[in-house]
Amino acid sequence: YRQPVSRAEIEKIRGVKCDKIINNLLEKGLIEEVGYKETAGRPTLYGTTQEFLVCFGLKDLSELPPLGNMLASSKDHL
C-alpha cells in the first residue's frame, strides 16, 4: 500500500523487526530493491514485483482490497 518503502518504515508500521520477513520476500521474488531514500544513510527502498501480482491474482496494485477493510478484518481476529 505504501511503496516504495524502507525497512525502517516497515518496522515502524509492524512494530517489530522484519529482517527475516524481508529476506524471505526477496528470496521468493515478491519484493525487490527499487532505489534508495534520499535521507541520512540512504536506506534501501522496496516495492512489490510482477511475481507478487501473479501470486495474488492481481492485474495491478489498484486491485488490492481497500486498506480500511484489511484493518477491520485484522481487528476481528484479535
PDB file of N, CA and C in Angstrom:
ATOM      1  N   TYR A   1       0.814  -1.200   0.000  1.00  0.00           N
ATOM      2  CA  TYR A   1       0.000   0.000   0.000  1.00  0.00           C
ATOM      3  C   TYR A   1       0.857   1.263   0.000  1.00  0.00           C
ATOM      4  N   ARG A   2       2.031   1.170   0.626  1.00  0.00           N
ATOM      5  CA  ARG A   2       2.942   2.324   0.670  1.00  0.00           C
ATOM      6  C   ARG A   2       4.243   1.907   0.005  1.00  0.00           C
ATOM      7  N   GLN A   3       4.391   2.317  -1.238  1.00  0.00           N
ATOM      8  CA  GLN A   3       5.591   1.950  -1.974  1.00  0.00           C
ATOM      9  C   GLN A   3       6.156   3.159  -2.671  1.00  0.00           C
ATOM     10  N   PRO A   4       7.442   3.239  -2.802  1.00  0.00           N
ATOM     11  CA  PRO A   4       8.439   2.362  -2.191  1.00  0.00           C
ATOM     12  C   PRO A   4       8.523   2.610  -0.687  1.00  0.00           C
ATOM     13  N   VAL A   5       9.045   1.605   0.032  1.00  0.00           N
ATOM     14  CA  VAL A   5       9.098   1.673   1.487  1.00  0.00           C
ATOM     15  C   VAL A   5      10.439   1.134   1.980  1.00  0.00           C
ATOM     16  N   SER A   6      10.947   1.726   3.039  1.00  0.00           N
ATOM     17  CA  SER A   6      12.221   1.278   3.605  1.00  0.00           C
ATOM     18  C   SER A   6      11.983   0.252   4.708  1.00  0.00           C
ATOM     19  N   ARG A   7      13.004  -0.467   5.068  1.00  0.00           N
ATOM     20  CA  ARG A   7      12.938  -1.452   6.154  1.00  0.00           C
ATOM     21  C   ARG A   7      12.476  -0.778   7.453  1.00  0.00           C
ATOM     22  N   ALA A   8      13.034   0.395   7.756  1.00  0.00           N
ATOM     23  CA  ALA A   8      12.671   1.111   8.985  1.00  0.00           C
ATOM     24  C   ALA A   8      11.192   1.499   8.976  1.00  0.00           C
ATOM     25  N   GLU A   9      10.671   1.888   7.819  1.00  0.00           N
ATOM     26  CA  GLU A   9       9.251   2.251   7.721  1.00  0.00           C
ATOM     27  C   GLU A   9       8.362   1.026   7.936  1.00  0.00           C
ATOM     28  N   ILE A  10       8.783  -0.113   7.404  1.00  0.00           N
ATOM     29  CA  ILE A  10       8.031  -1.356   7.613  1.00  0.00           C
ATOM     30  C   ILE A  10       8.028  -1.712   9.095  1.00  0.00           C
ATOM     31  N   GLU A  11       9.174  -1.603   9.730  1.00  0.00           N
ATOM     32  CA  GLU A  11       9.282  -1.935  11.153  1.00  0.00           C
ATOM     33  C   GLU A  11       8.434  -0.988  12.007  1.00  0.00           C
ATOM     34  N   LYS A  12       8.358   0.258  11.602  1.00  0.00           N
ATOM     35  CA  LYS A  12       7.531   1.221  12.338  1.00  0.00           C
ATOM     36  C   LYS A  12       6.051   0.855  12.216  1.00  0.00           C
ATOM     37  N   ILE A  13       5.615   0.454  11.031  1.00  0.00           N
ATOM     38  CA  ILE A  13       4.226   0.063  10.805  1.00  0.00           C
ATOM     39  C   ILE A  13       3.895  -1.207  11.575  1.00  0.00           C
ATOM     40  N   ARG A  14       4.780  -2.203  11.497  1.00  0.00           N
ATOM     41  CA  ARG A  14       4.510  -3.511  12.111  1.00  0.00           C
ATOM     42  C   ARG A  14       4.820  -3.542  13.600  1.00  0.00           C
ATOM     43  N   GLY A  15       5.747  -2.700  14.035  1.00  0.00           N
ATOM     44  CA  GLY A  15       6.110  -2.670  15.446  1.00  0.00           C
ATOM     45  C   GLY A  15       7.097  -3.738  15.865  1.00  0.00           C
ATOM     46  N   VAL A  16       7.683  -4.435  14.891  1.00  0.00           N
ATOM     47  CA  VAL A  16       8.675  -5.479  15.172  1.00  0.00           C
ATOM     48  C   VAL A  16       9.760  -5.459  14.096  1.00  0.00           C
ATOM     49  N   LYS A  17      10.885  -6.105  14.393  1.00  0.00           N
ATOM     50  CA  LYS A  17      11.956  -6.248  13.396  1.00  0.00           C
ATOM     51  C   LYS A  17      11.441  -7.091  12.241  1.00  0.00           C
ATOM     52  N   CYS A  18      11.918  -6.807  11.052  1.00  0.00           N
ATOM     53  CA  CYS A  18      11.394  -7.527   9.889  1.00  0.00           C
ATOM     54  C   CYS A  18      12.489  -8.025   8.950  1.00  0.00           C
ATOM     55  N   ASP A  19      13.711  -8.174   9.451  1.00  0.00           N
ATOM     56  CA  ASP A  19      14.822  -8.621   8.601  1.00  0.00           C
ATOM     57  C   ASP A  19      14.522  -9.948   7.910  1.00  0.00           C
ATOM     58  N   LYS A  20      14.067 -10.942   8.675  1.00  0.00           N
ATOM     59  CA  LYS A  20      13.802 -12.268   8.096  1.00  0.00           C
ATOM     60  C   LYS A  20      12.656 -12.228   7.099  1.00  0.00           C
ATOM     61  N   ILE A  21      11.633 -11.471   7.410  1.00  0.00           N
ATOM     62  CA  ILE A  21      10.480 -11.376   6.509  1.00  0.00           C
ATOM     63  C   ILE A  21      10.897 -10.753   5.179  1.00  0.00           C
ATOM     64  N   ILE A  22      11.650  -9.667   5.240  1.00  0.00           N
ATOM     65  CA  ILE A  22      12.108  -9.008   4.018  1.00  0.00           C
ATOM     66  C   ILE A  22      12.993  -9.954   3.219  1.00  0.00           C
ATOM     67  N   ASN A  23      13.910 -10.638   3.880  1.00  0.00           N
ATOM     68  CA  ASN A  23      14.774 -11.592   3.177  1.00  0.00           C
ATOM     69  C   ASN A  23      13.967 -12.699   2.517  1.00  0.00           C
ATOM     70  N   ASN A  24      12.948 -13.223   3.209  1.00  0.00           N
ATOM     71  CA  ASN A  24      12.097 -14.268   2.620  1.00  0.00           C
ATOM     72  C   ASN A  24      11.351 -13.753   1.399  1.00  0.00           C
ATOM     73  N   LEU A  25      10.795 -12.543   1.501  1.00  0.00           N
ATOM     74  CA  LEU A  25      10.075 -11.965   0.368  1.00  0.00           C
ATOM     75  C   LEU A  25      11.002 -11.714  -0.816  1.00  0.00           C
ATOM     76  N   LEU A  26      12.233 -11.276  -0.537  1.00  0.00           N
ATOM     77  CA  LEU A  26      13.222 -11.079  -1.600  1.00  0.00           C
ATOM     78  C   LEU A  26      13.570 -12.413  -2.260  1.00  0.00           C
ATOM     79  N   GLU A  27      13.806 -13.448  -1.462  1.00  0.00           N
ATOM     80  CA  GLU A  27      14.150 -14.771  -1.995  1.00  0.00           C
ATOM     81  C   GLU A  27      13.041 -15.335  -2.866  1.00  0.00           C
ATOM     82  N   LYS A  28      11.796 -15.080  -2.506  1.00  0.00           N
ATOM     83  CA  LYS A  28      10.649 -15.588  -3.263  1.00  0.00           C
ATOM     84  C   LYS A  28      10.322 -14.707  -4.466  1.00  0.00           C
ATOM     85  N   GLY A  29      11.010 -13.578  -4.593  1.00  0.00           N
ATOM     86  CA  GLY A  29      10.779 -12.690  -5.723  1.00  0.00           C
ATOM     87  C   GLY A  29       9.504 -11.877  -5.619  1.00  0.00           C
ATOM     88  N   LEU A  30       8.951 -11.749  -4.408  1.00  0.00           N
ATOM     89  CA  LEU A  30       7.715 -10.992  -4.238  1.00  0.00           C
ATOM     90  C   LEU A  30       7.957  -9.500  -4.041  1.00  0.00           C
ATOM     91  N   ILE A  31       9.155  -9.146  -3.570  1.00  0.00           N
ATOM     92  CA  ILE A  31       9.564  -7.741  -3.485  1.00  0.00           C
ATOM     93  C   ILE A  31      10.961  -7.617  -4.084  1.00  0.00           C
ATOM     94  N   GLU A  32      11.332  -6.388  -4.397  1.00  0.00           N
ATOM     95  CA  GLU A  32      12.661  -6.122  -4.938  1.00  0.00           C
ATOM     96  C   GLU A  32      13.130  -4.747  -4.485  1.00  0.00           C
ATOM     97  N   GLU A  33      14.429  -4.555  -4.536  1.00  0.00           N
ATOM     98  CA  GLU A  33      15.000  -3.237  -4.244  1.00  0.00           C
ATOM     99  C   GLU A  33      14.684  -2.330  -5.420  1.00  0.00           C
ATOM    100  N   VAL A  34      14.130  -1.163  -5.124  1.00  0.00           N
ATOM    101  CA  VAL A  34      13.742  -0.250  -6.203  1.00  0.00           C
ATOM    102  C   VAL A  34      14.479   1.080  -6.157  1.00  0.00           C
ATOM    103  N   GLY A  35      15.340   1.263  -5.164  1.00  0.00           N
ATOM    104  CA  GLY A  35      16.088   2.505  -5.071  1.00  0.00           C
ATOM    105  C   GLY A  35      16.555   2.761  -3.661  1.00  0.00           C
ATOM    106  N   TYR A  36      16.932   4.015  -3.422  1.00  0.00           N
ATOM    107  CA  TYR A  36      17.448   4.415  -2.117  1.00  0.00           C
ATOM    108  C   TYR A  36      16.778   5.722  -1.712  1.00  0.00           C
ATOM    109  N   LYS A  37      16.437   5.807  -0.432  1.00  0.00           N
ATOM    110  CA  LYS A  37      15.787   7.007   0.088  1.00  0.00           C
ATOM    111  C   LYS A  37      16.818   8.123   0.220  1.00  0.00           C
ATOM    112  N   GLU A  38      16.419   9.323  -0.122  1.00  0.00           N
ATOM    113  CA  GLU A  38      17.315  10.476  -0.077  1.00  0.00           C
ATOM    114  C   GLU A  38      17.376  11.057   1.331  1.00  0.00           C
ATOM    115  N   THR A  39      17.776  10.226   2.298  1.00  0.00           N
ATOM    116  CA  THR A  39      17.952  10.658   3.682  1.00  0.00           C
ATOM    117  C   THR A  39      19.286  10.121   4.186  1.00  0.00           C
ATOM    118  N   ALA A  40      19.626  10.466   5.407  1.00  0.00           N
ATOM    119  CA  ALA A  40      20.878  10.008   6.001  1.00  0.00           C
ATOM    120  C   ALA A  40      20.953   8.485   5.947  1.00  0.00           C
ATOM    121  N   GLY A  41      22.074   7.967   5.500  1.00  0.00           N
ATOM    122  CA  GLY A  41      22.271   6.534   5.411  1.00  0.00           C
ATOM    123  C   GLY A  41      21.741   5.904   4.133  1.00  0.00           C
ATOM    124  N   ARG A  42      20.969   6.674   3.371  1.00  0.00           N
ATOM    125  CA  ARG A  42      20.390   6.213   2.107  1.00  0.00           C
ATOM    126  C   ARG A  42      19.850   4.778   2.186  1.00  0.00           C
ATOM    127  N   PRO A  43      18.810   4.563   3.029  1.00  0.00           N
ATOM    128  CA  PRO A  43      18.266   3.210   3.165  1.00  0.00           C
ATOM    129  C   PRO A  43      17.649   2.701   1.856  1.00  0.00           C
ATOM    130  N   THR A  44      17.712   1.404   1.686  1.00  0.00           N
ATOM    131  CA  THR A  44      17.139   0.741   0.519  1.00  0.00           C
ATOM    132  C   THR A  44      15.622   0.848   0.555  1.00  0.00           C
ATOM    133  N   LEU A  45      15.047   1.090  -0.605  1.00  0.00           N
ATOM    134  CA  LEU A  45      13.594   1.122  -0.754  1.00  0.00           C
ATOM    135  C   LEU A  45      13.132  -0.143  -1.473  1.00  0.00           C
ATOM    136  N   TYR A  46      12.015  -0.689  -1.026  1.00  0.00           N
ATOM    137  CA  TYR A  46      11.475  -1.918  -1.594  1.00  0.00           C
ATOM    138  C   TYR A  46      10.111  -1.678  -2.213  1.00  0.00           C
ATOM    139  N   GLY A  47       9.803  -2.486  -3.203  1.00  0.00           N
ATOM    140  CA  GLY A  47       8.493  -2.457  -3.830  1.00  0.00           C
ATOM    141  C   GLY A  47       8.110  -3.856  -4.262  1.00  0.00           C
ATOM    142  N   THR A  48       6.847  -4.060  -4.563  1.00  0.00           N
ATOM    143  CA  THR A  48       6.388  -5.368  -4.997  1.00  0.00           C
ATOM    144  C   THR A  48       6.805  -5.610  -6.446  1.00  0.00           C
ATOM    145  N   THR A  49       6.835  -6.886  -6.816  1.00  0.00           N
ATOM    146  CA  THR A  49       7.249  -7.292  -8.154  1.00  0.00           C
ATOM    147  C   THR A  49       6.048  -7.781  -8.963  1.00  0.00           C
ATOM    148  N   GLN A  50       6.300  -8.061 -10.223  1.00  0.00           N
ATOM    149  CA  GLN A  50       5.286  -8.674 -11.078  1.00  0.00           C
ATOM    150  C   GLN A  50       4.912 -10.048 -10.518  1.00  0.00           C
ATOM    151  N   GLU A  51       5.876 -10.762  -9.957  1.00  0.00           N
ATOM    152  CA  GLU A  51       5.613 -12.067  -9.346  1.00  0.00           C
ATOM    153  C   GLU A  51       4.605 -11.948  -8.199  1.00  0.00           C
ATOM    154  N   PHE A  52       4.684 -10.862  -7.422  1.00  0.00           N
ATOM    155  CA  PHE A  52       3.712 -10.598  -6.355  1.00  0.00           C
ATOM    156  C   PHE A  52       2.300 -10.539  -6.938  1.00  0.00           C
ATOM    157  N   LEU A  53       2.153  -9.792  -8.023  1.00  0.00           N
ATOM    158  CA  LEU A  53       0.839  -9.648  -8.657  1.00  0.00           C
ATOM    159  C   LEU A  53       0.326 -10.996  -9.143  1.00  0.00           C
ATOM    160  N   VAL A  54       1.189 -11.768  -9.799  1.00  0.00           N
ATOM    161  CA  VAL A  54       0.799 -13.080 -10.306  1.00  0.00           C
ATOM    162  C   VAL A  54       0.391 -13.988  -9.147  1.00  0.00           C
ATOM    163  N   CYS A  55       1.192 -14.005  -8.093  1.00  0.00           N
ATOM    164  CA  CYS A  55       0.954 -14.869  -6.940  1.00  0.00           C
ATOM    165  C   CYS A  55      -0.415 -14.598  -6.307  1.00  0.00           C
ATOM    166  N   PHE A  56      -0.818 -13.344  -6.275  1.00  0.00           N
ATOM    167  CA  PHE A  56      -2.080 -12.972  -5.643  1.00  0.00           C
ATOM    168  C   PHE A  56      -3.209 -12.726  -6.650  1.00  0.00           C
ATOM    169  N   GLY A  57      -2.959 -13.045  -7.903  1.00  0.00           N
ATOM    170  CA  GLY A  57      -4.005 -12.939  -8.921  1.00  0.00           C
ATOM    171  C   GLY A  57      -4.463 -11.528  -9.199  1.00  0.00           C
ATOM    172  N   LEU A  58      -3.528 -10.578  -9.187  1.00  0.00           N
ATOM    173  CA  LEU A  58      -3.855  -9.171  -9.419  1.00  0.00           C
ATOM    174  C   LEU A  58      -3.311  -8.714 -10.766  1.00  0.00           C
ATOM    175  N   LYS A  59      -4.043  -7.824 -11.427  1.00  0.00           N
ATOM    176  CA  LYS A  59      -3.536  -7.215 -12.660  1.00  0.00           C
ATOM    177  C   LYS A  59      -2.573  -6.089 -12.333  1.00  0.00           C
ATOM    178  N   ASP A  60      -2.911  -5.327 -11.288  1.00  0.00           N
ATOM    179  CA  ASP A  60      -2.049  -4.248 -10.810  1.00  0.00           C
ATOM    180  C   ASP A  60      -2.396  -3.951  -9.360  1.00  0.00           C
ATOM    181  N   LEU A  61      -1.643  -3.073  -8.736  1.00  0.00           N
ATOM    182  CA  LEU A  61      -1.821  -2.785  -7.316  1.00  0.00           C
ATOM    183  C   LEU A  61      -3.154  -2.111  -6.997  1.00  0.00           C
ATOM    184  N   SER A  62      -3.790  -1.522  -7.996  1.00  0.00           N
ATOM    185  CA  SER A  62      -5.083  -0.882  -7.745  1.00  0.00           C
ATOM    186  C   SER A  62      -6.150  -1.918  -7.385  1.00  0.00           C
ATOM    187  N   GLU A  63      -5.891  -3.193  -7.659  1.00  0.00           N
ATOM    188  CA  GLU A  63      -6.843  -4.251  -7.329  1.00  0.00           C
ATOM    189  C   GLU A  63      -6.710  -4.753  -5.891  1.00  0.00           C
ATOM    190  N   LEU A  64      -5.744  -4.235  -5.135  1.00  0.00           N
ATOM    191  CA  LEU A  64      -5.642  -4.604  -3.723  1.00  0.00           C
ATOM    192  C   LEU A  64      -6.905  -4.154  -3.006  1.00  0.00           C
ATOM    193  N   PRO A  65      -7.376  -4.936  -2.020  1.00  0.00           N
ATOM    194  CA  PRO A  65      -8.568  -4.504  -1.286  1.00  0.00           C
ATOM    195  C   PRO A  65      -8.289  -3.206  -0.533  1.00  0.00           C
ATOM    196  N   PRO A  66      -9.312  -2.393  -0.291  1.00  0.00           N
ATOM    197  CA  PRO A  66      -9.106  -1.148   0.457  1.00  0.00           C
ATOM    198  C   PRO A  66      -8.467  -1.437   1.817  1.00  0.00           C
ATOM    199  N   LEU A  67      -7.542  -0.602   2.214  1.00  0.00           N
ATOM    200  CA  LEU A  67      -6.819  -0.799   3.474  1.00  0.00           C
ATOM    201  C   LEU A  67      -7.774  -0.793   4.660  1.00  0.00           C
ATOM    202  N   GLY A  68      -8.818   0.000   4.629  1.00  0.00           N
ATOM    203  CA  GLY A  68      -9.790   0.036   5.713  1.00  0.00           C
ATOM    204  C   GLY A  68     -10.398  -1.335   5.960  1.00  0.00           C
ATOM    205  N   ASN A  69     -10.692  -2.079   4.897  1.00  0.00           N
ATOM    206  CA  ASN A  69     -11.233  -3.434   5.027  1.00  0.00           C
ATOM    207  C   ASN A  69     -10.221  -4.360   5.677  1.00  0.00           C
ATOM    208  N   MET A  70      -8.964  -4.200   5.342  1.00  0.00           N
ATOM    209  CA  MET A  70      -7.918  -5.044   5.901  1.00  0.00           C
ATOM    210  C   MET A  70      -7.777  -4.789   7.406  1.00  0.00           C
ATOM    211  N   LEU A  71      -7.826  -3.536   7.810  1.00  0.00           N
ATOM    212  CA  LEU A  71      -7.689  -3.198   9.229  1.00  0.00           C
ATOM    213  C   LEU A  71      -8.866  -3.720  10.025  1.00  0.00           C
ATOM    214  N   ALA A  72     -10.065  -3.574   9.501  1.00  0.00           N
ATOM    215  CA  ALA A  72     -11.256  -4.062  10.195  1.00  0.00           C
ATOM    216  C   ALA A  72     -11.211  -5.580  10.333  1.00  0.00           C
ATOM    217  N   SER A  73     -10.779  -6.259   9.279  1.00  0.00           N
ATOM    218  CA  SER A  73     -10.696  -7.714   9.295  1.00  0.00           C
ATOM    219  C   SER A  73      -9.667  -8.203  10.307  1.00  0.00           C
ATOM    220  N   SER A  74      -8.533  -7.513  10.409  1.00  0.00           N
ATOM    221  CA  SER A  74      -7.498  -7.938  11.353  1.00  0.00           C
ATOM    222  C   SER A  74      -7.953  -7.729  12.792  1.00  0.00           C
ATOM    223  N   LYS A  75      -8.760  -6.721  13.069  1.00  0.00           N
ATOM    224  CA  LYS A  75      -9.269  -6.491  14.425  1.00  0.00           C
ATOM    225  C   LYS A  75     -10.251  -7.584  14.820  1.00  0.00           C
ATOM    226  N   ASP A  76     -10.986  -8.131  13.850  1.00  0.00           N
ATOM    227  CA  ASP A  76     -11.923  -9.208  14.125  1.00  0.00           C
ATOM    228  C   ASP A  76     -11.208 -10.465  14.612  1.00  0.00           C
ATOM    229  N   HIS A  77      -9.952 -10.627  14.213  1.00  0.00           N
ATOM    230  CA  HIS A  77      -9.187 -11.824  14.564  1.00  0.00           C
ATOM    231  C   HIS A  77      -8.415 -11.681  15.859  1.00  0.00           C
ATOM    232  N   LEU A  78      -8.449 -10.510  16.475  1.00  0.00           N
ATOM    233  CA  LEU A  78      -7.699 -10.309  17.723  1.00  0.00           C
ATOM    234  C   LEU A  78      -8.478 -10.738  18.932  1.00  0.00           C
TER     235      LEU A  78
END
